[in-house]
Structures are given as C-alpha cells and as structure tokens.
Amino acid sequence: MLVSWNFKHIVNLERIRGYNAVNLKQGYPMIEIRTPLEILVRYRENLRQNDQEILRNISYWIPAYQGNDGRVVDENL
C-alpha cells in the first residue's frame, strides 16, 4: 500500500489504473494507493469493530464488567 497526498500525480484514479495495468502485465500484484485520510478513516472503523468484539468477549466470560466511567455494566440486564 502506498499513502500519499499527491492527488495530481499519484492518488489519481486514471494513473492508479495505469500503474496496476503495468503491474499485472509484468506479473506483479496490483497496488493500493490511498490518502492518509482514507487510512485514518479505515483505522477508526476497524478500531470500533475490534472494540465491539472485545466487549462481546468480555461480557461472555465476565457477565459484569466496569465501563470507562467506573460504573458496573452488565449487558444481560
């Protein structure tokens, strides 16, 4: 993956298609080119999904656990 703010020359849909066409023709895999903002948004979405999965696992093994504010939280109530 390549991350760049350079919209004119690198993070340009037509150019990305060209880069990938050359890569595939030469036997290389396609590359992913993104902006830093896209990476941050993707990271944030993944973090939220992982947090939800962690909380589900905690509630499975420990029925009552403390929330961030110190209150005891029980999803089963």
PDB file of N, CA and C in Angstrom:
ATOM      1  N   MET A   1       0.851  -1.165   0.000  1.00  0.00           N
ATOM      2  CA  MET A   1       0.000   0.000   0.000  1.00  0.00           C
ATOM      3  C   MET A   1       0.898   1.230   0.000  1.00  0.00           C
ATOM      4  N   LEU A   2       0.493   2.203  -0.784  1.00  0.00           N
ATOM      5  CA  LEU A   2       1.193   3.477  -0.859  1.00  0.00           C
ATOM      6  C   LEU A   2       0.239   4.556  -0.377  1.00  0.00           C
ATOM      7  N   VAL A   3       0.718   5.428   0.500  1.00  0.00           N
ATOM      8  CA  VAL A   3      -0.105   6.506   1.040  1.00  0.00           C
ATOM      9  C   VAL A   3       0.510   7.826   0.604  1.00  0.00           C
ATOM     10  N   SER A   4      -0.325   8.702   0.023  1.00  0.00           N
ATOM     11  CA  SER A   4       0.194   9.975  -0.479  1.00  0.00           C
ATOM     12  C   SER A   4      -0.899  11.028  -0.509  1.00  0.00           C
ATOM     13  N   TRP A   5      -0.486  12.287  -0.355  1.00  0.00           N
ATOM     14  CA  TRP A   5      -1.393  13.424  -0.546  1.00  0.00           C
ATOM     15  C   TRP A   5      -1.311  13.938  -1.982  1.00  0.00           C
ATOM     16  N   ASN A   6      -0.451  13.376  -2.808  1.00  0.00           N
ATOM     17  CA  ASN A   6      -0.212  13.884  -4.155  1.00  0.00           C
ATOM     18  C   ASN A   6      -1.333  13.446  -5.100  1.00  0.00           C
ATOM     19  N   PHE A   7      -2.422  14.221  -5.130  1.00  0.00           N
ATOM     20  CA  PHE A   7      -3.590  13.871  -5.944  1.00  0.00           C
ATOM     21  C   PHE A   7      -3.313  14.028  -7.438  1.00  0.00           C
ATOM     22  N   LYS A   8      -2.448  14.956  -7.806  1.00  0.00           N
ATOM     23  CA  LYS A   8      -2.200  15.223  -9.221  1.00  0.00           C
ATOM     24  C   LYS A   8      -1.456  14.075  -9.899  1.00  0.00           C
ATOM     25  N   HIS A   9      -0.466  13.523  -9.222  1.00  0.00           N
ATOM     26  CA  HIS A   9       0.389  12.539  -9.880  1.00  0.00           C
ATOM     27  C   HIS A   9       0.252  11.111  -9.358  1.00  0.00           C
ATOM     28  N   ILE A  10      -0.084  10.942  -8.087  1.00  0.00           N
ATOM     29  CA  ILE A  10      -0.069   9.584  -7.530  1.00  0.00           C
ATOM     30  C   ILE A  10      -1.464   9.095  -7.160  1.00  0.00           C
ATOM     31  N   VAL A  11      -2.182   9.831  -6.337  1.00  0.00           N
ATOM     32  CA  VAL A  11      -3.520   9.414  -5.896  1.00  0.00           C
ATOM     33  C   VAL A  11      -4.526   9.935  -6.921  1.00  0.00           C
ATOM     34  N   ASN A  12      -4.448   9.358  -8.118  1.00  0.00           N
ATOM     35  CA  ASN A  12      -5.262   9.775  -9.254  1.00  0.00           C
ATOM     36  C   ASN A  12      -5.810   8.493  -9.871  1.00  0.00           C
ATOM     37  N   LEU A  13      -7.129   8.379  -9.945  1.00  0.00           N
ATOM     38  CA  LEU A  13      -7.760   7.118 -10.363  1.00  0.00           C
ATOM     39  C   LEU A  13      -7.244   6.619 -11.711  1.00  0.00           C
ATOM     40  N   GLU A  14      -7.106   7.504 -12.687  1.00  0.00           N
ATOM     41  CA  GLU A  14      -6.616   7.082 -14.006  1.00  0.00           C
ATOM     42  C   GLU A  14      -5.181   6.560 -13.915  1.00  0.00           C
ATOM     43  N   ARG A  15      -4.359   7.246 -13.158  1.00  0.00           N
ATOM     44  CA  ARG A  15      -2.965   6.803 -13.015  1.00  0.00           C
ATOM     45  C   ARG A  15      -2.880   5.488 -12.236  1.00  0.00           C
ATOM     46  N   ILE A  16      -3.708   5.347 -11.212  1.00  0.00           N
ATOM     47  CA  ILE A  16      -3.709   4.098 -10.435  1.00  0.00           C
ATOM     48  C   ILE A  16      -4.069   2.925 -11.339  1.00  0.00           C
ATOM     49  N   ARG A  17      -5.054   3.130 -12.200  1.00  0.00           N
ATOM     50  CA  ARG A  17      -5.418   2.063 -13.156  1.00  0.00           C
ATOM     51  C   ARG A  17      -4.239   1.727 -14.056  1.00  0.00           C
ATOM     52  N   GLY A  18      -3.523   2.761 -14.492  1.00  0.00           N
ATOM     53  CA  GLY A  18      -2.344   2.545 -15.332  1.00  0.00           C
ATOM     54  C   GLY A  18      -1.244   1.794 -14.599  1.00  0.00           C
ATOM     55  N   TYR A  19      -0.957   2.204 -13.364  1.00  0.00           N
ATOM     56  CA  TYR A  19       0.065   1.510 -12.567  1.00  0.00           C
ATOM     57  C   TYR A  19      -0.284   0.031 -12.438  1.00  0.00           C
ATOM     58  N   ASN A  20      -1.555  -0.235 -12.130  1.00  0.00           N
ATOM     59  CA  ASN A  20      -1.967  -1.622 -11.916  1.00  0.00           C
ATOM     60  C   ASN A  20      -1.979  -2.422 -13.209  1.00  0.00           C
ATOM     61  N   ALA A  21      -2.299  -1.782 -14.325  1.00  0.00           N
ATOM     62  CA  ALA A  21      -2.257  -2.479 -15.615  1.00  0.00           C
ATOM     63  C   ALA A  21      -0.828  -2.931 -15.919  1.00  0.00           C
ATOM     64  N   VAL A  22       0.132  -2.045 -15.686  1.00  0.00           N
ATOM     65  CA  VAL A  22       1.540  -2.394 -15.912  1.00  0.00           C
ATOM     66  C   VAL A  22       1.966  -3.502 -14.952  1.00  0.00           C
ATOM     67  N   ASN A  23       1.607  -3.373 -13.688  1.00  0.00           N
ATOM     68  CA  ASN A  23       1.980  -4.404 -12.708  1.00  0.00           C
ATOM     69  C   ASN A  23       1.451  -5.769 -13.116  1.00  0.00           C
ATOM     70  N   LEU A  24       0.160  -5.836 -13.467  1.00  0.00           N
ATOM     71  CA  LEU A  24      -0.437  -7.121 -13.846  1.00  0.00           C
ATOM     72  C   LEU A  24       0.224  -7.687 -15.096  1.00  0.00           C
ATOM     73  N   LYS A  25       0.512  -6.819 -16.071  1.00  0.00           N
ATOM     74  CA  LYS A  25       1.155  -7.263 -17.306  1.00  0.00           C
ATOM     75  C   LYS A  25       2.548  -7.834 -17.031  1.00  0.00           C
ATOM     76  N   GLN A  26       3.241  -7.275 -16.041  1.00  0.00           N
ATOM     77  CA  GLN A  26       4.589  -7.728 -15.691  1.00  0.00           C
ATOM     78  C   GLN A  26       4.588  -8.858 -14.658  1.00  0.00           C
ATOM     79  N   GLY A  27       3.381  -9.292 -14.240  1.00  0.00           N
ATOM     80  CA  GLY A  27       3.287 -10.403 -13.301  1.00  0.00           C
ATOM     81  C   GLY A  27       3.334 -10.005 -11.836  1.00  0.00           C
ATOM     82  N   TYR A  28       3.186  -8.715 -11.566  1.00  0.00           N
ATOM     83  CA  TYR A  28       3.180  -8.230 -10.183  1.00  0.00           C
ATOM     84  C   TYR A  28       1.745  -8.012  -9.714  1.00  0.00           C
ATOM     85  N   PRO A  29       1.531  -8.041  -8.399  1.00  0.00           N
ATOM     86  CA  PRO A  29       0.165  -7.793  -7.894  1.00  0.00           C
ATOM     87  C   PRO A  29      -0.211  -6.318  -8.020  1.00  0.00           C
ATOM     88  N   MET A  30      -1.503  -6.068  -7.977  1.00  0.00           N
ATOM     89  CA  MET A  30      -1.983  -4.690  -8.001  1.00  0.00           C
ATOM     90  C   MET A  30      -1.579  -4.011  -6.699  1.00  0.00           C
ATOM     91  N   ILE A  31      -1.391  -2.697  -6.774  1.00  0.00           N
ATOM     92  CA  ILE A  31      -1.057  -1.943  -5.574  1.00  0.00           C
ATOM     93  C   ILE A  31      -2.258  -1.107  -5.163  1.00  0.00           C
ATOM     94  N   GLU A  32      -2.302  -0.814  -3.890  1.00  0.00           N
ATOM     95  CA  GLU A  32      -3.379   0.009  -3.343  1.00  0.00           C
ATOM     96  C   GLU A  32      -2.773   1.368  -3.004  1.00  0.00           C
ATOM     97  N   ILE A  33      -3.348   2.431  -3.542  1.00  0.00           N
ATOM     98  CA  ILE A  33      -2.866   3.784  -3.283  1.00  0.00           C
ATOM     99  C   ILE A  33      -3.991   4.556  -2.618  1.00  0.00           C
ATOM    100  N   ARG A  34      -3.714   5.091  -1.447  1.00  0.00           N
ATOM    101  CA  ARG A  34      -4.730   5.781  -0.645  1.00  0.00           C
ATOM    102  C   ARG A  34      -4.190   7.097  -0.108  1.00  0.00           C
ATOM    103  N   THR A  35      -5.114   7.948   0.332  1.00  0.00           N
ATOM    104  CA  THR A  35      -4.730   9.177   1.020  1.00  0.00           C
ATOM    105  C   THR A  35      -4.591   8.874   2.510  1.00  0.00           C
ATOM    106  N   PRO A  36      -3.834   9.690   3.232  1.00  0.00           N
ATOM    107  CA  PRO A  36      -3.752   9.489   4.682  1.00  0.00           C
ATOM    108  C   PRO A  36      -5.127   9.533   5.354  1.00  0.00           C
ATOM    109  N   LEU A  37      -6.019  10.382   4.859  1.00  0.00           N
ATOM    110  CA  LEU A  37      -7.355  10.468   5.443  1.00  0.00           C
ATOM    111  C   LEU A  37      -8.107   9.148   5.295  1.00  0.00           C
ATOM    112  N   GLU A  38      -8.011   8.518   4.120  1.00  0.00           N
ATOM    113  CA  GLU A  38      -8.674   7.225   3.927  1.00  0.00           C
ATOM    114  C   GLU A  38      -8.134   6.176   4.900  1.00  0.00           C
ATOM    115  N   ILE A  39      -6.845   6.206   5.149  1.00  0.00           N
ATOM    116  CA  ILE A  39      -6.235   5.255   6.076  1.00  0.00           C
ATOM    117  C   ILE A  39      -6.737   5.499   7.489  1.00  0.00           C
ATOM    118  N   LEU A  40      -6.816   6.765   7.896  1.00  0.00           N
ATOM    119  CA  LEU A  40      -7.299   7.083   9.238  1.00  0.00           C
ATOM    120  C   LEU A  40      -8.750   6.669   9.423  1.00  0.00           C
ATOM    121  N   VAL A  41      -9.587   6.902   8.413  1.00  0.00           N
ATOM    122  CA  VAL A  41     -10.997   6.507   8.498  1.00  0.00           C
ATOM    123  C   VAL A  41     -11.103   4.992   8.603  1.00  0.00           C
ATOM    124  N   ARG A  42     -10.344   4.278   7.779  1.00  0.00           N
ATOM    125  CA  ARG A  42     -10.369   2.809   7.818  1.00  0.00           C
ATOM    126  C   ARG A  42      -9.884   2.298   9.176  1.00  0.00           C
ATOM    127  N   TYR A  43      -8.818   2.897   9.705  1.00  0.00           N
ATOM    128  CA  TYR A  43      -8.291   2.501  11.011  1.00  0.00           C
ATOM    129  C   TYR A  43      -9.344   2.720  12.092  1.00  0.00           C
ATOM    130  N   ARG A  44     -10.016   3.864  12.031  1.00  0.00           N
ATOM    131  CA  ARG A  44     -11.038   4.181  13.039  1.00  0.00           C
ATOM    132  C   ARG A  44     -12.195   3.185  12.976  1.00  0.00           C
ATOM    133  N   GLU A  45     -12.640   2.833  11.767  1.00  0.00           N
ATOM    134  CA  GLU A  45     -13.726   1.860  11.612  1.00  0.00           C
ATOM    135  C   GLU A  45     -13.306   0.492  12.144  1.00  0.00           C
ATOM    136  N   ASN A  46     -12.090   0.065  11.830  1.00  0.00           N
ATOM    137  CA  ASN A  46     -11.592  -1.224  12.324  1.00  0.00           C
ATOM    138  C   ASN A  46     -11.469  -1.218  13.832  1.00  0.00           C
ATOM    139  N   LEU A  47     -11.021  -0.097  14.394  1.00  0.00           N
ATOM    140  CA  LEU A  47     -10.880   0.014  15.838  1.00  0.00           C
ATOM    141  C   LEU A  47     -12.233  -0.143  16.512  1.00  0.00           C
ATOM    142  N   ARG A  48     -13.259   0.504  15.953  1.00  0.00           N
ATOM    143  CA  ARG A  48     -14.608   0.384  16.516  1.00  0.00           C
ATOM    144  C   ARG A  48     -15.093  -1.059  16.472  1.00  0.00           C
ATOM    145  N   GLN A  49     -14.893  -1.732  15.334  1.00  0.00           N
ATOM    146  CA  GLN A  49     -15.327  -3.122  15.204  1.00  0.00           C
ATOM    147  C   GLN A  49     -14.582  -4.009  16.191  1.00  0.00           C
ATOM    148  N   ASN A  50     -13.275  -3.799  16.333  1.00  0.00           N
ATOM    149  CA  ASN A  50     -12.484  -4.603  17.269  1.00  0.00           C
ATOM    150  C   ASN A  50     -12.917  -4.353  18.698  1.00  0.00           C
ATOM    151  N   ASP A  51     -13.192  -3.084  19.049  1.00  0.00           N
ATOM    152  CA  ASP A  51     -13.648  -2.765  20.401  1.00  0.00           C
ATOM    153  C   ASP A  51     -14.957  -3.482  20.709  1.00  0.00           C
ATOM    154  N   GLN A  52     -15.885  -3.498  19.758  1.00  0.00           N
ATOM    155  CA  GLN A  52     -17.170  -4.162  19.973  1.00  0.00           C
ATOM    156  C   GLN A  52     -16.964  -5.657  20.177  1.00  0.00           C
ATOM    157  N   GLU A  53     -16.070  -6.248  19.403  1.00  0.00           N
ATOM    158  CA  GLU A  53     -15.812  -7.682  19.553  1.00  0.00           C
ATOM    159  C   GLU A  53     -15.166  -7.972  20.909  1.00  0.00           C
ATOM    160  N   ILE A  54     -14.243  -7.127  21.325  1.00  0.00           N
ATOM    161  CA  ILE A  54     -13.603  -7.307  22.633  1.00  0.00           C
ATOM    162  C   ILE A  54     -14.645  -7.217  23.737  1.00  0.00           C
ATOM    163  N   LEU A  55     -15.539  -6.234  23.658  1.00  0.00           N
ATOM    164  CA  LEU A  55     -16.575  -6.085  24.682  1.00  0.00           C
ATOM    165  C   LEU A  55     -17.508  -7.292  24.707  1.00  0.00           C
ATOM    166  N   ARG A  56     -17.838  -7.836  23.538  1.00  0.00           N
ATOM    167  CA  ARG A  56     -18.680  -9.036  23.498  1.00  0.00           C
ATOM    168  C   ARG A  56     -17.966 -10.204  24.172  1.00  0.00           C
ATOM    169  N   ASN A  57     -16.681 -10.354  23.898  1.00  0.00           N
ATOM    170  CA  ASN A  57     -15.912 -11.441  24.518  1.00  0.00           C
ATOM    171  C   ASN A  57     -15.827 -11.268  26.022  1.00  0.00           C
ATOM    172  N   ILE A  58     -15.618 -10.044  26.470  1.00  0.00           N
ATOM    173  CA  ILE A  58     -15.550  -9.787  27.911  1.00  0.00           C
ATOM    174  C   ILE A  58     -16.882 -10.133  28.561  1.00  0.00           C
ATOM    175  N   SER A  59     -17.976  -9.694  27.939  1.00  0.00           N
ATOM    176  CA  SER A  59     -19.284  -9.941  28.551  1.00  0.00           C
ATOM    177  C   SER A  59     -19.626 -11.428  28.548  1.00  0.00           C
ATOM    178  N   TYR A  60     -19.048 -12.196  27.636  1.00  0.00           N
ATOM    179  CA  TYR A  60     -19.280 -13.639  27.618  1.00  0.00           C
ATOM    180  C   TYR A  60     -18.588 -14.296  28.812  1.00  0.00           C
ATOM    181  N   TRP A  61     -17.344 -13.923  29.057  1.00  0.00           N
ATOM    182  CA  TRP A  61     -16.564 -14.550  30.118  1.00  0.00           C
ATOM    183  C   TRP A  61     -16.815 -13.928  31.481  1.00  0.00           C
ATOM    184  N   ILE A  62     -17.061 -12.632  31.512  1.00  0.00           N
ATOM    185  CA  ILE A  62     -17.297 -11.926  32.773  1.00  0.00           C
ATOM    186  C   ILE A  62     -18.623 -11.184  32.623  1.00  0.00           C
ATOM    187  N   PRO A  63     -19.712 -11.720  33.165  1.00  0.00           N
ATOM    188  CA  PRO A  63     -21.034 -11.115  32.961  1.00  0.00           C
ATOM    189  C   PRO A  63     -21.109  -9.638  33.333  1.00  0.00           C
ATOM    190  N   ALA A  64     -20.453  -9.206  34.376  1.00  0.00           N
ATOM    191  CA  ALA A  64     -20.472  -7.792  34.762  1.00  0.00           C
ATOM    192  C   ALA A  64     -19.045  -7.261  34.706  1.00  0.00           C
ATOM    193  N   TYR A  65     -18.861  -6.152  34.040  1.00  0.00           N
ATOM    194  CA  TYR A  65     -17.539  -5.537  33.965  1.00  0.00           C
ATOM    195  C   TYR A  65     -17.690  -4.038  34.085  1.00  0.00           C
ATOM    196  N   GLN A  66     -16.602  -3.362  34.379  1.00  0.00           N
ATOM    197  CA  GLN A  66     -16.677  -1.921  34.577  1.00  0.00           C
ATOM    198  C   GLN A  66     -16.547  -1.197  33.250  1.00  0.00           C
ATOM    199  N   GLY A  67     -17.418  -0.196  33.069  1.00  0.00           N
ATOM    200  CA  GLY A  67     -17.322   0.667  31.904  1.00  0.00           C
ATOM    201  C   GLY A  67     -16.230   1.707  32.108  1.00  0.00           C
ATOM    202  N   ASN A  68     -16.012   2.554  31.100  1.00  0.00           N
ATOM    203  CA  ASN A  68     -14.965   3.570  31.176  1.00  0.00           C
ATOM    204  C   ASN A  68     -15.183   4.559  32.309  1.00  0.00           C
ATOM    205  N   ASP A  69     -16.431   4.780  32.693  1.00  0.00           N
ATOM    206  CA  ASP A  69     -16.710   5.765  33.740  1.00  0.00           C
ATOM    207  C   ASP A  69     -16.714   5.131  35.133  1.00  0.00           C
ATOM    208  N   GLY A  70     -16.355   3.851  35.244  1.00  0.00           N
ATOM    209  CA  GLY A  70     -16.272   3.194  36.539  1.00  0.00           C
ATOM    210  C   GLY A  70     -17.545   2.488  36.961  1.00  0.00           C
ATOM    211  N   ARG A  71     -18.656   2.722  36.231  1.00  0.00           N
ATOM    212  CA  ARG A  71     -19.901   2.033  36.569  1.00  0.00           C
ATOM    213  C   ARG A  71     -19.785   0.565  36.175  1.00  0.00           C
ATOM    214  N   VAL A  72     -20.465  -0.283  36.909  1.00  0.00           N
ATOM    215  CA  VAL A  72     -20.514  -1.697  36.548  1.00  0.00           C
ATOM    216  C   VAL A  72     -21.558  -1.857  35.459  1.00  0.00           C
ATOM    217  N   VAL A  73     -21.151  -2.489  34.374  1.00  0.00           N
ATOM    218  CA  VAL A  73     -22.020  -2.654  33.214  1.00  0.00           C
ATOM    219  C   VAL A  73     -22.324  -4.135  33.052  1.00  0.00           C
ATOM    220  N   ASP A  74     -23.582  -4.461  32.810  1.00  0.00           N
ATOM    221  CA  ASP A  74     -23.963  -5.841  32.546  1.00  0.00           C
ATOM    222  C   ASP A  74     -24.930  -5.819  31.378  1.00  0.00           C
ATOM    223  N   GLU A  75     -24.492  -6.312  30.221  1.00  0.00           N
ATOM    224  CA  GLU A  75     -25.336  -6.291  29.029  1.00  0.00           C
ATOM    225  C   GLU A  75     -26.529  -7.227  29.150  1.00  0.00           C
ATOM    226  N   ASN A  76     -26.490  -8.155  30.091  1.00  0.00           N
ATOM    227  CA  ASN A  76     -27.572  -9.124  30.235  1.00  0.00           C
ATOM    228  C   ASN A  76     -28.741  -8.590  31.044  1.00  0.00           C
ATOM    229  N   LEU A  77     -28.609  -7.418  31.656  1.00  0.00           N
ATOM    230  CA  LEU A  77     -29.696  -6.863  32.467  1.00  0.00           C
ATOM    231  C   LEU A  77     -30.645  -6.053  31.632  1.00  0.00           C
TER     232      LEU A  77
END
